[in-house]
Amino acid sequence: AVVSTQSTGKISALEKNVHSQELEGKANRETIMRLVVECSKEKEHTQGHTATISLLQKERDMTMLTKRELENELAEVNTRLTASNDALQSTRVNLTKLEEKCAHLKIALNTPSPTGLTLDL
């Protein structure tokens, strides 16, 4: 009877241990399944972020290209502006010289000549 009680106690302890291991195994499987689902969700998020990064890089590249084109265009416009300002200054100098020459000619025409004739303009 003593052996039977000890065996029953050992069997009962083993059964409790097996039940405990089964519960732990079930909990581990549930944890693994939950982690697999979380990993899948994170993978989807990562793929979405990767696509967003790629799109932003393309936009950045296009913006940089547009910036370079605008900088080149600005440099060209500045060159043309400088040339136009130089031409304008040259034209002003020539206009001043022509105005002075015209004024001298007017004075010469309004000055009495040795013959006594004057021309009024």
Protein backbone atom coordinates (compact mmCIF):
# COMPACT_ATOMS: atom_id res chain seq x y z
CA ALA A 1 0.00 0.00 0.00
CA VAL A 2 2.95 2.30 0.73
CA VAL A 3 4.46 1.62 -2.70
CA SER A 4 1.11 2.23 -4.30
CA THR A 5 0.70 5.56 -2.48
CA GLN A 6 4.23 6.61 -3.47
CA SER A 7 3.60 5.57 -7.06
CA THR A 8 0.32 7.41 -7.10
CA GLY A 9 2.06 10.50 -5.66
CA LYS A 10 4.82 10.27 -8.27
CA ILE A 11 2.30 9.73 -11.04
CA SER A 12 0.26 12.66 -9.77
CA ALA A 13 3.39 14.85 -9.61
CA LEU A 14 4.41 13.74 -13.10
CA GLU A 15 0.91 14.42 -14.40
CA LYS A 16 1.03 17.91 -12.86
CA ASN A 17 4.47 18.42 -14.39
CA VAL A 18 3.25 17.23 -17.81
CA HIS A 19 0.17 19.46 -17.52
CA SER A 20 2.37 22.39 -16.52
CA GLN A 21 4.71 21.71 -19.47
CA GLU A 22 1.73 21.46 -21.83
CA LEU A 23 0.38 24.82 -20.58
CA GLU A 24 3.83 26.39 -20.95
CA GLY A 25 4.19 24.90 -24.44
CA LYS A 26 0.74 26.24 -25.40
CA ALA A 27 1.69 29.68 -24.05
CA ASN A 28 4.97 29.54 -25.98
CA ARG A 29 3.17 28.58 -29.20
CA GLU A 30 0.69 31.44 -28.70
CA THR A 31 3.57 33.85 -28.07
CA ILE A 32 5.36 32.61 -31.19
CA MET A 33 2.20 33.01 -33.28
CA ARG A 34 1.66 36.54 -31.90
CA LEU A 35 5.27 37.43 -32.67
CA VAL A 36 4.93 36.04 -36.21
CA VAL A 37 1.85 38.24 -36.74
CA GLU A 38 3.72 41.27 -35.31
CA CYS A 39 6.70 40.55 -37.56
CA SER A 40 4.42 40.38 -40.59
CA LYS A 41 2.85 43.72 -39.67
CA GLU A 42 6.28 45.28 -39.13
CA LYS A 43 7.44 43.90 -42.47
CA GLU A 44 4.45 45.55 -44.17
CA HIS A 45 5.23 48.84 -42.39
CA THR A 46 8.87 48.56 -43.42
CA GLN A 47 7.90 47.94 -47.05
CA GLY A 48 5.62 50.97 -46.92
CA HIS A 49 8.41 53.10 -45.47
CA THR A 50 10.83 51.80 -48.09
CA ALA A 51 8.41 52.80 -50.85
CA THR A 52 7.97 56.24 -49.25
CA ILE A 53 11.74 56.70 -48.97
CA SER A 54 12.17 55.73 -52.62
CA LEU A 55 9.49 58.21 -53.68
CA LEU A 56 11.04 60.97 -51.58
CA GLN A 57 14.48 60.25 -53.06
CA LYS A 58 13.03 60.55 -56.57
CA GLU A 59 11.34 63.82 -55.64
CA ARG A 60 14.60 65.09 -54.13
CA ASP A 61 16.53 64.14 -57.27
CA MET A 62 13.97 65.91 -59.49
CA THR A 63 14.07 68.98 -57.24
CA MET A 64 17.87 69.04 -57.35
CA LEU A 65 17.78 68.77 -61.16
CA THR A 66 15.25 71.59 -61.37
CA LYS A 67 17.39 73.68 -59.01
CA ARG A 68 20.49 73.16 -61.18
CA GLU A 69 18.52 74.07 -64.31
CA LEU A 70 17.18 77.23 -62.64
CA GLU A 71 20.66 78.17 -61.42
CA ASN A 72 22.00 77.78 -64.97
CA GLU A 73 19.12 79.83 -66.35
CA LEU A 74 19.71 82.51 -63.71
CA ALA A 75 23.39 82.68 -64.61
CA GLU A 76 22.48 83.05 -68.30
CA VAL A 77 19.93 85.79 -67.53
CA ASN A 78 22.50 87.60 -65.37
CA THR A 79 25.02 87.42 -68.21
CA ARG A 80 22.44 88.85 -70.63
CA LEU A 81 21.51 91.54 -68.09
CA THR A 82 25.14 92.55 -67.70
CA ALA A 83 25.54 92.72 -71.49
CA SER A 84 22.34 94.78 -71.77
CA ASN A 85 23.50 97.15 -69.03
CA ASP A 86 26.85 97.56 -70.79
CA ALA A 87 25.07 98.29 -74.09
CA LEU A 88 22.75 100.76 -72.36
CA GLN A 89 25.69 102.56 -70.76
CA SER A 90 27.47 102.73 -74.12
CA THR A 91 24.32 104.07 -75.76
CA ARG A 92 23.97 106.73 -73.03
CA VAL A 93 27.57 107.81 -73.55
CA ASN A 94 27.01 108.04 -77.33
CA LEU A 95 23.74 109.93 -76.76
CA THR A 96 25.52 112.42 -74.49
CA LYS A 97 28.24 112.94 -77.12
CA LEU A 98 25.63 113.41 -79.86
CA GLU A 99 23.64 115.84 -77.71
CA GLU A 100 26.84 117.83 -77.06
CA LYS A 101 27.68 117.82 -80.77
CA CYS A 102 24.15 118.91 -81.61
CA ALA A 103 24.37 121.72 -79.06
CA HIS A 104 27.69 122.87 -80.58
CA LEU A 105 26.20 122.78 -84.08
CA LYS A 106 23.20 124.81 -82.92
CA ILE A 107 25.54 127.38 -81.40
CA ALA A 108 27.57 127.43 -84.62
CA LEU A 109 24.44 127.91 -86.71
CA ASN A 110 23.14 130.71 -84.46
CA THR A 111 26.46 132.51 -84.45
CA PRO A 112 26.63 135.34 -87.05
CA SER A 113 28.78 134.42 -89.92
CA PRO A 114 31.18 136.81 -91.62
CA THR A 115 28.55 137.26 -94.31
CA GLY A 116 26.02 138.45 -91.72
CA LEU A 117 23.55 135.63 -92.15
CA THR A 118 22.26 133.57 -89.18
CA LEU A 119 20.17 130.46 -89.27
CA ASP A 120 17.69 129.92 -86.47
CA LEU A 121 16.74 126.33 -85.70
